[in-house]
Protein backbone atom coordinates (compact mmCIF):
# COMPACT_ATOMS: atom_id res chain seq x y z
CA MET A 1 205.89 141.20 89.19
CA SER A 2 204.56 144.17 91.07
CA PHE A 3 206.33 146.58 93.42
CA ILE A 4 204.24 147.60 96.41
CA VAL A 5 204.80 150.68 98.57
CA ALA A 6 202.51 150.58 101.63
CA ILE A 7 201.94 153.63 103.85
CA ASP A 8 199.92 153.54 107.07
CA GLY A 9 199.10 156.17 109.67
CA PRO A 10 196.29 158.11 111.35
CA ALA A 11 194.19 160.84 109.70
CA GLY A 12 195.86 164.15 108.93
CA THR A 13 199.46 162.98 108.68
CA GLY A 14 199.68 163.90 105.00
CA LYS A 15 199.55 160.34 103.65
CA GLY A 16 197.18 161.21 100.83
CA THR A 17 199.14 164.25 99.67
CA ILE A 18 202.49 162.46 99.84
CA THR A 19 201.13 159.42 98.01
CA LYS A 20 199.87 161.60 95.15
CA LEU A 21 203.17 163.47 94.84
CA ILE A 22 205.32 160.33 94.88
CA SER A 23 202.96 158.55 92.51
CA LYS A 24 203.55 161.28 89.91
CA GLU A 25 207.32 161.58 90.45
CA MET A 26 208.13 157.87 90.62
CA GLY A 27 205.61 156.46 88.18
CA LEU A 28 203.74 154.43 90.79
CA VAL A 29 200.00 153.82 90.52
CA ASN A 30 198.24 155.55 93.42
CA ILE A 31 195.48 153.50 95.01
CA ASP A 32 193.64 155.36 97.76
CA THR A 33 192.29 152.61 100.02
CA GLY A 34 190.45 155.07 102.25
CA ALA A 35 188.43 156.12 99.21
CA THR A 36 187.01 152.60 98.90
CA TYR A 37 185.51 152.80 102.40
CA ARG A 38 184.32 156.34 101.73
CA CYS A 39 182.48 155.01 98.69
CA VAL A 40 180.62 152.53 100.90
CA ALA A 41 179.78 155.33 103.36
CA LEU A 42 178.54 157.56 100.51
CA TYR A 43 176.43 154.71 99.14
CA CYS A 44 174.80 154.34 102.56
CA ILE A 45 174.03 158.07 102.74
CA GLU A 46 172.60 158.23 99.22
CA ASN A 47 170.48 155.13 99.75
CA ASN A 48 169.25 156.11 103.23
CA ILE A 49 170.95 153.17 104.93
CA ASN A 50 171.53 153.79 108.64
CA VAL A 51 175.14 153.17 109.64
CA ALA A 52 173.84 151.10 112.57
CA ASP A 53 172.01 148.75 110.19
CA THR A 54 174.96 146.42 109.68
CA GLU A 55 172.97 143.67 107.96
CA LYS A 56 171.57 146.05 105.35
CA ILE A 57 175.05 147.43 104.61
CA ILE A 58 176.39 143.89 104.17
CA ASP A 59 173.45 142.94 101.93
CA ASN A 60 174.19 145.94 99.69
CA LEU A 61 177.92 145.24 99.23
CA PRO A 62 177.35 143.34 95.93
CA ASN A 63 175.65 146.51 94.59
CA ILE A 64 178.75 148.65 95.20
CA ASN A 65 181.17 148.82 92.28
CA ILE A 66 184.33 150.88 92.80
CA ASP A 67 186.94 151.89 90.25
CA MET A 68 189.86 154.32 90.24
CA LYS A 69 191.53 155.91 87.25
CA ASN A 70 194.46 158.27 86.84
CA GLU A 71 193.14 161.05 84.61
CA ASN A 72 195.33 164.02 83.67
CA GLY A 73 197.70 163.17 86.52
CA GLU A 74 194.87 163.09 89.07
CA GLN A 75 193.09 160.15 90.64
CA THR A 76 189.38 159.93 89.88
CA VAL A 77 187.16 157.71 92.02
CA TYR A 78 184.05 156.10 90.53
CA LEU A 79 181.13 154.61 92.43
CA ASN A 80 178.81 152.60 90.18
CA GLY A 81 180.06 154.56 87.18
CA GLU A 82 179.68 158.03 88.76
CA ASP A 83 182.64 160.31 89.48
CA VAL A 84 182.44 160.75 93.28
CA THR A 85 185.95 162.12 93.86
CA SER A 86 184.60 165.23 95.62
CA LYS A 87 181.48 163.70 97.14
CA ILE A 88 183.42 161.18 99.26
CA ARG A 89 185.36 163.99 100.99
CA THR A 90 182.38 165.76 102.58
CA PRO A 91 182.03 166.03 106.41
CA GLU A 92 178.91 163.80 106.22
CA VAL A 93 180.95 160.95 104.74
CA THR A 94 183.92 161.59 107.06
CA LYS A 95 181.61 161.38 110.08
CA ILE A 96 180.53 157.79 109.40
CA VAL A 97 183.37 156.23 107.39
CA SER A 98 185.21 154.83 110.41
CA GLU A 99 182.07 153.08 111.66
CA VAL A 100 181.36 151.66 108.22
CA SER A 101 184.93 150.39 107.86
CA SER A 102 184.67 148.68 111.26
CA ILE A 103 182.21 146.15 109.84
CA LYS A 104 184.36 143.10 109.14
CA GLU A 105 182.40 142.07 106.04
CA VAL A 106 183.01 145.55 104.60
CA ARG A 107 186.73 145.20 105.39
CA PHE A 108 186.93 141.83 103.62
CA ALA A 109 185.10 143.15 100.56
CA MET A 110 187.21 146.31 100.29
CA VAL A 111 190.50 144.46 100.76
CA ASP A 112 189.53 142.32 97.76
CA VAL A 113 188.82 145.51 95.80
CA GLN A 114 192.17 147.02 96.81
CA ARG A 115 194.17 143.91 95.96
CA ASN A 116 192.48 143.63 92.57
CA LEU A 117 193.21 147.28 91.80
CA ALA A 118 196.92 146.65 92.54
CA LEU A 119 197.23 143.40 90.62
CA GLY A 120 200.40 143.29 88.47
CA LYS A 121 201.19 146.99 88.93
CA ASP A 122 203.88 149.06 90.65
CA VAL A 123 201.73 150.82 93.21
CA ILE A 124 201.79 153.13 96.21
CA MET A 125 198.93 152.58 98.63
CA GLU A 126 198.00 154.39 101.83
CA GLY A 127 195.53 153.64 104.57
CA ARG A 128 195.26 152.22 108.09
CA ASP A 129 196.16 148.55 107.67
CA ILE A 130 198.06 148.31 104.39
CA THR A 131 201.39 147.25 105.92
CA THR A 132 199.81 144.83 108.38
CA TYR A 133 196.79 143.33 106.62
CA VAL A 134 196.23 144.31 102.98
CA PHE A 135 199.85 143.86 101.85
CA PRO A 136 201.86 142.38 104.75
CA ASN A 137 204.59 141.43 102.24
CA ALA A 138 204.88 144.92 100.67
CA ASP A 139 208.32 145.86 99.32
CA VAL A 140 208.30 149.13 101.30
CA LYS A 141 206.43 149.71 104.57
CA ILE A 142 206.14 153.19 106.06
CA TYR A 143 204.17 154.47 109.08
CA MET A 144 203.50 158.22 108.96
CA ASP A 145 202.56 159.97 112.18
CA ALA A 146 202.11 163.48 113.64
CA ASP A 147 200.86 165.20 116.79
CA GLU A 148 197.02 165.15 116.94
CA VAL A 149 196.72 168.95 117.28
CA GLU A 150 198.92 169.43 114.21
CA ARG A 151 196.85 166.88 112.32
CA ALA A 152 193.62 168.64 113.28
CA ASN A 153 195.12 171.97 112.15
CA ARG A 154 195.97 170.53 108.75
CA ARG A 155 192.53 169.00 108.27
CA TYR A 156 190.80 172.19 109.46
CA LYS A 157 192.72 174.30 106.90
CA GLU A 158 191.82 171.86 104.14
CA MET A 159 188.13 172.10 105.00
CA GLN A 160 188.25 175.90 105.23
CA GLU A 161 189.82 176.10 101.77
CA LYS A 162 186.95 173.99 100.44
CA GLY A 163 184.41 176.32 102.06
CA MET A 164 183.18 173.74 104.57
CA GLU A 165 181.58 175.15 107.72
CA ILE A 166 183.17 173.41 110.69
CA THR A 167 185.04 174.53 113.81
CA PHE A 168 188.59 173.53 114.77
CA GLU A 169 187.21 171.93 117.94
CA GLU A 170 184.89 169.72 115.88
CA VAL A 171 187.76 168.66 113.63
CA LEU A 172 189.98 167.82 116.62
CA GLU A 173 187.17 165.82 118.25
CA ASN A 174 186.61 163.92 114.99
CA ILE A 175 190.36 163.16 114.78
CA GLN A 176 190.44 161.88 118.37
CA LYS A 177 187.34 159.72 117.89
CA ARG A 178 188.66 158.33 114.65
CA ASP A 179 192.06 157.51 116.15
CA LYS A 180 190.37 155.58 118.96
CA ASN A 181 188.06 153.75 116.59
CA ASP A 182 190.84 152.91 114.12
CA LYS A 183 193.15 151.55 116.81
CA GLU A 184 190.43 149.41 118.41
CA LYS A 185 189.11 147.76 115.24
CA GLU A 186 188.64 144.00 115.49
CA ILE A 187 190.14 143.53 112.03
CA GLY A 188 192.66 145.79 110.31
CA ALA A 189 193.35 147.97 113.34
CA LEU A 190 195.78 150.87 112.97
CA LYS A 191 199.17 149.80 114.32
CA ILE A 192 202.83 150.02 113.40
CA ALA A 193 204.12 146.95 111.55
CA GLU A 194 207.29 145.54 113.08
CA ASP A 195 209.28 146.13 109.89
CA ALA A 196 207.76 149.53 109.01
CA ILE A 197 209.88 152.68 108.87
CA TYR A 198 208.43 155.33 111.23
CA VAL A 199 208.23 158.90 109.86
CA ASP A 200 207.08 161.75 112.16
CA THR A 201 205.75 164.59 109.98
CA THR A 202 204.78 167.00 112.80
CA LYS A 203 207.55 169.53 112.14
CA LEU A 204 208.27 168.69 108.50
CA THR A 205 207.03 170.44 105.38
CA ILE A 206 205.30 168.45 102.64
CA GLU A 207 208.45 168.76 100.51
CA GLU A 208 210.65 167.45 103.34
CA VAL A 209 208.34 164.48 103.95
CA LYS A 210 208.19 163.73 100.22
CA GLU A 211 211.97 163.71 99.84
CA LYS A 212 212.41 161.55 102.95
CA ILE A 213 209.94 158.92 101.77
CA LYS A 214 211.16 159.10 98.18
CA GLY A 215 214.67 158.31 99.46
CA ILE A 216 213.39 155.28 101.37
CA ILE A 217 211.63 153.95 98.26
CA GLU A 218 214.64 154.56 96.01
CA GLU A 219 216.88 152.65 98.38
CA LYS A 220 214.50 149.67 98.47
CA ARG A 221 213.88 149.80 94.73
CA GLY A 222 217.55 150.05 93.87
CA LYS A 223 216.86 153.39 92.18
């Protein structure tokens, strides 16, 4: 039997950070679903496949092998045997990942990958449609949210720390475009599941969010 914690929400709410922290503290396997789509986007970039060439992307799906391992307390993402943990977080990948993930055949393929990665494990998984599509019967469902300006601020600081050259205005525009795209997807659109617990992180510190969500999980898990 597995125990599934599913967290949904838009970009920049802190889902990834919170998932990593809780994974370590509560012994849950962290599966980053967004990383699977980023791997497809990176594959397209490295193989000169235009994001508009849907048929070519679909044809190449069998050539994309994704694996995730927890190494020294950190999640490492592999694409066809190569460690791409850093590569999938570049602005180039971020710019096209939403479009790539909008292709329904890509969604179906990645959901299979995600479900296989979670098979028989106690996991925590974050993304856009985990509570509604990937694991609609998850033991714990949480929707994390925050004001879009606050989310853009967080993402901008992250990129600055990594030495990426990008303006705040560009980050905010990317956030707004991504929100629109994610909410209008034909399959796996970003929405709040009826039985999800809503957590607004706008004015909360990472520690406060972690403790809040940890408490929700402990209550559902029976400590």
